[in-house]
N, C-alpha and C. Protein backbone atom coordinates (compact mmCIF):
# COMPACT_ATOMS: atom_id res chain seq x y z
N MET A 1 13.34 33.39 62.81
CA MET A 1 12.83 32.04 63.02
C MET A 1 11.42 32.09 63.61
N GLN A 2 11.22 32.96 64.62
CA GLN A 2 9.89 33.04 65.24
C GLN A 2 8.84 33.53 64.24
N GLU A 3 9.25 34.40 63.32
CA GLU A 3 8.31 34.88 62.30
C GLU A 3 7.87 33.72 61.40
N PHE A 4 8.83 32.89 61.01
CA PHE A 4 8.53 31.72 60.19
C PHE A 4 7.59 30.78 60.94
N LEU A 5 7.93 30.50 62.21
CA LEU A 5 7.09 29.60 63.02
C LEU A 5 5.69 30.17 63.21
N GLY A 6 5.63 31.49 63.40
CA GLY A 6 4.33 32.14 63.56
C GLY A 6 3.47 32.00 62.31
N ALA A 7 4.10 32.10 61.15
CA ALA A 7 3.36 31.98 59.89
C ALA A 7 2.81 30.57 59.69
N TYR A 8 3.50 29.58 60.24
CA TYR A 8 3.09 28.19 60.06
C TYR A 8 2.61 27.56 61.38
N TYR A 9 2.25 28.39 62.32
CA TYR A 9 1.88 27.92 63.66
C TYR A 9 0.76 26.88 63.63
N LEU A 10 -0.29 27.13 62.87
CA LEU A 10 -1.42 26.19 62.85
C LEU A 10 -1.02 24.85 62.21
N TRP A 11 -0.12 24.87 61.24
CA TRP A 11 0.38 23.62 60.66
C TRP A 11 1.23 22.86 61.67
N ILE A 12 2.04 23.61 62.40
CA ILE A 12 2.87 22.99 63.44
C ILE A 12 1.98 22.37 64.51
N LYS A 13 0.94 23.09 64.89
CA LYS A 13 -0.01 22.58 65.89
C LYS A 13 -0.72 21.33 65.38
N ALA A 14 -1.10 21.33 64.11
CA ALA A 14 -1.78 20.16 63.53
C ALA A 14 -0.87 18.93 63.57
N VAL A 15 0.39 19.10 63.18
CA VAL A 15 1.32 17.97 63.21
C VAL A 15 1.55 17.52 64.65
N HIS A 16 1.62 18.48 65.57
CA HIS A 16 1.77 18.14 66.99
C HIS A 16 0.61 17.26 67.47
N VAL A 17 -0.61 17.66 67.14
CA VAL A 17 -1.79 16.90 67.57
C VAL A 17 -1.80 15.50 66.93
N ILE A 18 -1.43 15.42 65.66
CA ILE A 18 -1.36 14.11 64.98
C ILE A 18 -0.32 13.22 65.68
N ALA A 19 0.83 13.80 66.01
CA ALA A 19 1.88 13.04 66.69
C ALA A 19 1.42 12.58 68.07
N VAL A 20 0.74 13.45 68.79
CA VAL A 20 0.24 13.09 70.12
C VAL A 20 -0.77 11.95 70.03
N ILE A 21 -1.67 12.03 69.07
CA ILE A 21 -2.67 10.96 68.90
C ILE A 21 -1.97 9.63 68.60
N SER A 22 -0.98 9.66 67.72
CA SER A 22 -0.24 8.44 67.38
C SER A 22 0.52 7.91 68.58
N TRP A 23 1.15 8.82 69.32
CA TRP A 23 1.91 8.42 70.51
C TRP A 23 0.99 7.77 71.53
N MET A 24 -0.17 8.39 71.77
CA MET A 24 -1.10 7.84 72.75
C MET A 24 -1.65 6.49 72.31
N ALA A 25 -1.93 6.33 71.02
CA ALA A 25 -2.42 5.04 70.54
C ALA A 25 -1.40 3.94 70.87
N ALA A 26 -0.13 4.22 70.61
CA ALA A 26 0.92 3.24 70.90
C ALA A 26 1.09 3.03 72.40
N MET A 27 1.01 4.12 73.17
CA MET A 27 1.17 4.03 74.63
C MET A 27 0.03 3.24 75.28
N LEU A 28 -1.11 3.23 74.66
CA LEU A 28 -2.24 2.47 75.19
C LEU A 28 -2.22 1.01 74.73
N TYR A 29 -1.67 0.76 73.56
CA TYR A 29 -1.67 -0.60 73.00
C TYR A 29 -0.50 -1.44 73.50
N LEU A 30 0.67 -0.82 73.65
CA LEU A 30 1.86 -1.58 74.02
C LEU A 30 1.71 -2.32 75.36
N PRO A 31 1.25 -1.66 76.43
CA PRO A 31 1.09 -2.42 77.67
C PRO A 31 0.00 -3.49 77.59
N ARG A 32 -0.96 -3.31 76.70
CA ARG A 32 -1.98 -4.34 76.49
C ARG A 32 -1.32 -5.58 75.88
N LEU A 33 -0.39 -5.38 74.97
CA LEU A 33 0.36 -6.52 74.42
C LEU A 33 1.16 -7.20 75.53
N PHE A 34 1.71 -6.39 76.45
CA PHE A 34 2.48 -6.96 77.56
C PHE A 34 1.61 -7.84 78.46
N VAL A 35 0.34 -7.47 78.63
CA VAL A 35 -0.58 -8.28 79.44
C VAL A 35 -0.64 -9.69 78.86
N TYR A 36 -0.80 -9.77 77.54
CA TYR A 36 -0.87 -11.09 76.89
C TYR A 36 0.49 -11.78 76.91
N HIS A 37 1.55 -11.00 76.73
CA HIS A 37 2.89 -11.59 76.67
C HIS A 37 3.30 -12.15 78.03
N ALA A 38 2.89 -11.49 79.10
CA ALA A 38 3.25 -11.97 80.44
C ALA A 38 2.69 -13.36 80.72
N SER A 39 1.59 -13.69 80.05
CA SER A 39 0.96 -15.00 80.24
C SER A 39 1.44 -16.04 79.23
N ALA A 40 2.20 -15.61 78.23
CA ALA A 40 2.67 -16.53 77.19
C ALA A 40 3.92 -17.28 77.67
N VAL A 41 4.05 -18.48 77.21
CA VAL A 41 5.22 -19.30 77.53
C VAL A 41 6.41 -18.76 76.72
N PRO A 42 7.53 -18.44 77.38
CA PRO A 42 8.71 -17.96 76.64
C PRO A 42 9.12 -18.96 75.56
N GLY A 43 9.40 -18.44 74.37
CA GLY A 43 9.80 -19.29 73.25
C GLY A 43 8.64 -19.84 72.44
N SER A 44 7.42 -19.68 72.96
CA SER A 44 6.25 -20.18 72.22
C SER A 44 6.00 -19.30 70.99
N GLU A 45 5.17 -19.81 70.11
CA GLU A 45 4.83 -19.05 68.89
C GLU A 45 4.18 -17.72 69.27
N LEU A 46 3.29 -17.75 70.26
CA LEU A 46 2.63 -16.52 70.70
C LEU A 46 3.66 -15.52 71.24
N SER A 47 4.56 -15.99 72.07
CA SER A 47 5.60 -15.12 72.64
C SER A 47 6.45 -14.48 71.55
N GLU A 48 6.85 -15.27 70.58
CA GLU A 48 7.70 -14.75 69.50
C GLU A 48 6.94 -13.75 68.63
N THR A 49 5.67 -14.01 68.39
CA THR A 49 4.83 -13.07 67.62
C THR A 49 4.68 -11.75 68.37
N LEU A 50 4.43 -11.84 69.68
CA LEU A 50 4.27 -10.62 70.49
C LEU A 50 5.57 -9.81 70.52
N LYS A 51 6.71 -10.49 70.55
CA LYS A 51 7.99 -9.78 70.51
C LYS A 51 8.10 -8.91 69.26
N ILE A 52 7.73 -9.48 68.14
CA ILE A 52 7.78 -8.75 66.87
C ILE A 52 6.82 -7.57 66.91
N MET A 53 5.60 -7.81 67.36
CA MET A 53 4.60 -6.75 67.43
C MET A 53 5.06 -5.62 68.35
N GLU A 54 5.57 -5.97 69.51
CA GLU A 54 6.02 -4.97 70.48
C GLU A 54 7.18 -4.14 69.93
N ARG A 55 8.15 -4.83 69.35
CA ARG A 55 9.31 -4.12 68.81
C ARG A 55 8.90 -3.16 67.70
N ARG A 56 8.07 -3.62 66.79
CA ARG A 56 7.64 -2.77 65.67
C ARG A 56 6.79 -1.60 66.15
N LEU A 57 5.90 -1.84 67.10
CA LEU A 57 5.06 -0.77 67.63
C LEU A 57 5.92 0.30 68.28
N LEU A 58 6.90 -0.12 69.07
CA LEU A 58 7.78 0.84 69.74
C LEU A 58 8.66 1.58 68.73
N LYS A 59 9.28 0.83 67.83
CA LYS A 59 10.27 1.40 66.92
C LYS A 59 9.66 2.26 65.82
N PHE A 60 8.53 1.85 65.29
CA PHE A 60 7.98 2.52 64.12
C PHE A 60 6.81 3.47 64.40
N ILE A 61 6.21 3.37 65.58
CA ILE A 61 5.09 4.27 65.90
C ILE A 61 5.37 5.05 67.17
N CYS A 62 5.60 4.36 68.26
CA CYS A 62 5.70 5.01 69.57
C CYS A 62 6.88 5.98 69.64
N ASN A 63 8.08 5.52 69.31
CA ASN A 63 9.26 6.39 69.39
C ASN A 63 9.18 7.58 68.44
N PRO A 64 8.91 7.37 67.15
CA PRO A 64 8.83 8.53 66.25
C PRO A 64 7.72 9.51 66.64
N ALA A 65 6.59 8.98 67.09
CA ALA A 65 5.48 9.86 67.47
C ALA A 65 5.84 10.70 68.69
N MET A 66 6.52 10.09 69.67
CA MET A 66 6.94 10.86 70.85
C MET A 66 7.93 11.95 70.44
N ILE A 67 8.88 11.61 69.62
CA ILE A 67 9.88 12.58 69.18
C ILE A 67 9.19 13.73 68.44
N ALA A 68 8.28 13.41 67.54
CA ALA A 68 7.57 14.44 66.79
C ALA A 68 6.71 15.30 67.71
N ALA A 69 6.04 14.67 68.67
CA ALA A 69 5.21 15.45 69.61
C ALA A 69 6.07 16.44 70.38
N TRP A 70 7.22 16.00 70.85
CA TRP A 70 8.14 16.90 71.57
C TRP A 70 8.66 18.00 70.67
N ILE A 71 9.12 17.66 69.48
CA ILE A 71 9.70 18.67 68.58
C ILE A 71 8.67 19.74 68.23
N PHE A 72 7.49 19.31 67.79
CA PHE A 72 6.49 20.28 67.37
C PHE A 72 5.89 21.04 68.56
N GLY A 73 5.82 20.39 69.72
CA GLY A 73 5.39 21.09 70.92
C GLY A 73 6.39 22.17 71.33
N LEU A 74 7.68 21.83 71.28
CA LEU A 74 8.71 22.82 71.62
C LEU A 74 8.76 23.94 70.60
N LEU A 75 8.53 23.62 69.33
CA LEU A 75 8.47 24.67 68.31
C LEU A 75 7.33 25.65 68.60
N MET A 76 6.19 25.13 69.05
CA MET A 76 5.07 26.02 69.40
C MET A 76 5.43 26.90 70.58
N LEU A 77 6.13 26.34 71.57
CA LEU A 77 6.56 27.15 72.71
C LEU A 77 7.57 28.21 72.29
N TYR A 78 8.46 27.86 71.39
CA TYR A 78 9.44 28.81 70.90
C TYR A 78 8.76 29.95 70.14
N ALA A 79 7.74 29.60 69.35
CA ALA A 79 7.01 30.61 68.58
C ALA A 79 6.12 31.47 69.47
N ASN A 80 5.75 30.95 70.64
CA ASN A 80 4.80 31.63 71.51
C ASN A 80 5.29 31.54 72.96
N PRO A 81 6.46 32.11 73.29
CA PRO A 81 7.06 31.91 74.62
C PRO A 81 6.26 32.50 75.77
N GLU A 82 5.42 33.47 75.50
CA GLU A 82 4.63 34.08 76.58
C GLU A 82 3.64 33.11 77.21
N ILE A 83 3.38 32.00 76.53
CA ILE A 83 2.45 31.01 77.07
C ILE A 83 2.99 30.37 78.35
N LEU A 84 4.29 30.49 78.57
CA LEU A 84 4.90 29.93 79.78
C LEU A 84 4.83 30.88 80.98
N GLN A 85 4.57 32.13 80.73
CA GLN A 85 4.59 33.14 81.80
C GLN A 85 3.22 33.26 82.46
N GLY A 86 3.18 32.86 83.71
CA GLY A 86 1.94 32.98 84.47
C GLY A 86 0.84 32.03 84.04
N GLN A 87 1.20 30.99 83.35
CA GLN A 87 0.22 30.01 82.86
C GLN A 87 0.45 28.69 83.57
N GLY A 88 -0.15 28.55 84.76
CA GLY A 88 0.03 27.33 85.55
C GLY A 88 -0.42 26.08 84.83
N TRP A 89 -1.45 26.20 84.01
CA TRP A 89 -1.94 25.04 83.27
C TRP A 89 -0.86 24.49 82.33
N MET A 90 -0.08 25.38 81.72
CA MET A 90 0.97 24.92 80.80
C MET A 90 2.09 24.21 81.57
N HIS A 91 2.44 24.72 82.72
CA HIS A 91 3.45 24.07 83.54
C HIS A 91 2.98 22.68 83.97
N ALA A 92 1.70 22.58 84.36
CA ALA A 92 1.14 21.29 84.76
C ALA A 92 1.12 20.33 83.56
N LYS A 93 0.73 20.85 82.41
CA LYS A 93 0.71 20.02 81.21
C LYS A 93 2.11 19.49 80.91
N LEU A 94 3.10 20.36 80.95
CA LEU A 94 4.47 19.94 80.66
C LEU A 94 4.97 18.91 81.67
N LEU A 95 4.58 19.07 82.94
CA LEU A 95 4.94 18.07 83.95
C LEU A 95 4.34 16.71 83.57
N PHE A 96 3.08 16.70 83.18
CA PHE A 96 2.42 15.44 82.80
C PHE A 96 3.06 14.85 81.54
N VAL A 97 3.49 15.70 80.61
CA VAL A 97 4.15 15.21 79.40
C VAL A 97 5.49 14.58 79.76
N VAL A 98 6.21 15.18 80.70
CA VAL A 98 7.47 14.60 81.16
C VAL A 98 7.20 13.24 81.82
N LEU A 99 6.15 13.17 82.64
CA LEU A 99 5.79 11.89 83.27
C LEU A 99 5.41 10.86 82.21
N LEU A 100 4.66 11.28 81.20
CA LEU A 100 4.28 10.38 80.11
C LEU A 100 5.53 9.88 79.38
N SER A 101 6.50 10.75 79.21
CA SER A 101 7.77 10.35 78.58
C SER A 101 8.49 9.32 79.45
N GLY A 102 8.39 9.47 80.77
CA GLY A 102 8.96 8.48 81.68
C GLY A 102 8.28 7.13 81.54
N VAL A 103 6.96 7.14 81.42
CA VAL A 103 6.22 5.89 81.20
C VAL A 103 6.66 5.27 79.88
N HIS A 104 6.87 6.11 78.88
CA HIS A 104 7.38 5.63 77.59
C HIS A 104 8.69 4.87 77.80
N GLY A 105 9.57 5.43 78.61
CA GLY A 105 10.84 4.76 78.92
C GLY A 105 10.63 3.42 79.60
N VAL A 106 9.68 3.35 80.51
CA VAL A 106 9.36 2.09 81.18
C VAL A 106 8.86 1.06 80.16
N LEU A 107 8.03 1.49 79.24
CA LEU A 107 7.52 0.58 78.21
C LEU A 107 8.64 0.10 77.30
N ALA A 108 9.56 1.00 76.95
CA ALA A 108 10.70 0.61 76.12
C ALA A 108 11.56 -0.42 76.85
N LYS A 109 11.78 -0.20 78.14
CA LYS A 109 12.57 -1.15 78.93
C LYS A 109 11.88 -2.52 78.95
N ASN A 110 10.57 -2.53 79.15
CA ASN A 110 9.84 -3.80 79.19
C ASN A 110 9.85 -4.49 77.83
N THR A 111 9.84 -3.72 76.76
CA THR A 111 9.94 -4.31 75.42
C THR A 111 11.27 -5.05 75.29
N ARG A 112 12.35 -4.44 75.77
CA ARG A 112 13.66 -5.10 75.73
C ARG A 112 13.68 -6.36 76.60
N LEU A 113 13.09 -6.28 77.79
CA LEU A 113 13.07 -7.44 78.68
C LEU A 113 12.30 -8.61 78.08
N PHE A 114 11.15 -8.30 77.48
CA PHE A 114 10.38 -9.37 76.83
C PHE A 114 11.17 -9.96 75.66
N ALA A 115 11.86 -9.11 74.90
CA ALA A 115 12.65 -9.59 73.75
C ALA A 115 13.74 -10.57 74.19
N GLN A 116 14.24 -10.39 75.42
CA GLN A 116 15.29 -11.25 75.96
C GLN A 116 14.72 -12.38 76.84
N ASP A 117 13.39 -12.51 76.87
CA ASP A 117 12.71 -13.50 77.71
C ASP A 117 13.09 -13.31 79.18
N LYS A 118 13.21 -12.06 79.62
CA LYS A 118 13.60 -11.77 81.00
C LYS A 118 12.52 -11.03 81.78
N ASN A 119 11.29 -11.05 81.30
CA ASN A 119 10.22 -10.36 82.03
C ASN A 119 9.95 -11.05 83.36
N ALA A 120 9.86 -10.25 84.42
CA ALA A 120 9.55 -10.80 85.75
C ALA A 120 8.24 -10.23 86.29
N LYS A 121 7.55 -9.45 85.49
CA LYS A 121 6.31 -8.80 85.93
C LYS A 121 5.10 -9.64 85.53
N SER A 122 4.02 -9.46 86.30
CA SER A 122 2.80 -10.21 86.04
C SER A 122 1.88 -9.47 85.07
N ALA A 123 0.90 -10.19 84.57
CA ALA A 123 -0.11 -9.58 83.71
C ALA A 123 -0.86 -8.49 84.47
N LYS A 124 -1.07 -8.70 85.77
CA LYS A 124 -1.75 -7.69 86.59
C LYS A 124 -0.95 -6.39 86.64
N TYR A 125 0.35 -6.49 86.78
CA TYR A 125 1.21 -5.30 86.77
C TYR A 125 1.01 -4.51 85.49
N PHE A 126 0.96 -5.22 84.34
CA PHE A 126 0.81 -4.54 83.06
C PHE A 126 -0.60 -3.98 82.87
N ARG A 127 -1.61 -4.61 83.48
CA ARG A 127 -2.96 -4.04 83.44
C ARG A 127 -2.98 -2.70 84.17
N ILE A 128 -2.30 -2.63 85.29
CA ILE A 128 -2.24 -1.37 86.05
C ILE A 128 -1.41 -0.34 85.28
N LEU A 129 -0.26 -0.77 84.75
CA LEU A 129 0.60 0.12 83.97
C LEU A 129 -0.16 0.69 82.77
N ASN A 130 -1.04 -0.10 82.20
CA ASN A 130 -1.84 0.31 81.05
C ASN A 130 -2.72 1.52 81.35
N GLU A 131 -3.08 1.72 82.61
CA GLU A 131 -3.97 2.83 82.98
C GLU A 131 -3.22 4.15 83.15
N ILE A 132 -1.93 4.10 83.41
CA ILE A 132 -1.17 5.32 83.69
C ILE A 132 -1.17 6.29 82.51
N PRO A 133 -0.90 5.86 81.27
CA PRO A 133 -0.97 6.81 80.16
C PRO A 133 -2.36 7.43 80.00
N THR A 134 -3.40 6.67 80.29
CA THR A 134 -4.76 7.19 80.19
C THR A 134 -4.98 8.32 81.19
N VAL A 135 -4.57 8.11 82.42
CA VAL A 135 -4.74 9.14 83.46
C VAL A 135 -3.94 10.38 83.10
N LEU A 136 -2.71 10.21 82.64
CA LEU A 136 -1.89 11.36 82.25
C LEU A 136 -2.50 12.09 81.06
N MET A 137 -3.02 11.35 80.09
CA MET A 137 -3.66 11.96 78.93
C MET A 137 -4.88 12.79 79.34
N ILE A 138 -5.68 12.26 80.24
CA ILE A 138 -6.86 13.00 80.72
C ILE A 138 -6.41 14.31 81.36
N GLY A 139 -5.39 14.23 82.20
CA GLY A 139 -4.88 15.45 82.83
C GLY A 139 -4.40 16.46 81.80
N ILE A 140 -3.64 16.00 80.82
CA ILE A 140 -3.11 16.91 79.78
C ILE A 140 -4.25 17.58 79.03
N VAL A 141 -5.24 16.81 78.62
CA VAL A 141 -6.37 17.38 77.87
C VAL A 141 -7.12 18.39 78.73
N VAL A 142 -7.35 18.06 79.99
CA VAL A 142 -8.06 19.01 80.89
C VAL A 142 -7.25 20.30 81.04
N PHE A 143 -5.94 20.17 81.24
CA PHE A 143 -5.11 21.36 81.39
C PHE A 143 -5.17 22.25 80.15
N VAL A 144 -5.10 21.64 78.97
CA VAL A 144 -5.05 22.41 77.72
C VAL A 144 -6.42 23.01 77.39
N ILE A 145 -7.48 22.26 77.57
CA ILE A 145 -8.81 22.73 77.16
C ILE A 145 -9.45 23.62 78.22
N ALA A 146 -9.48 23.16 79.47
CA ALA A 146 -10.17 23.90 80.54
C ALA A 146 -9.29 24.98 81.17
N ARG A 147 -7.97 24.80 81.09
CA ARG A 147 -7.01 25.74 81.71
C ARG A 147 -7.45 26.14 83.12
N PRO A 148 -7.51 25.16 84.02
CA PRO A 148 -8.07 25.40 85.35
C PRO A 148 -7.25 26.37 86.23
N PHE A 149 -6.03 26.64 85.88
CA PHE A 149 -5.22 27.60 86.65
C PHE A 149 -4.13 28.16 85.77
């Protein structure tokens, strides 16, 4: 299996990067929709439109992209297990990816709450939440490119 993965490693990496880009696009856009939705009157045309947009973004882009990013990332680790030994940058990156996955869960929960007209958070809360994926992404990129430790 590792021989097969090694032969296709660059293809696996390319799909991983594509998945990460797609995941991040959705992770940055979804809380922005929540900012607008928090200010919309429940049951209004705007609220109902945002529900559809949020559900589709989560279901058709965000969730599949996260799953693909994890699968192809783990395949790369399986093909190249020595990258985990003595590589502090990789451990830090993985920690940030786990945190990003947690934020993904928070966004999924908020999508469900908005769908049920049960949101209790303010637009300001979602503006702040919108920055968390950006900060995590910056950390991940710095860890992977600069490998500071």
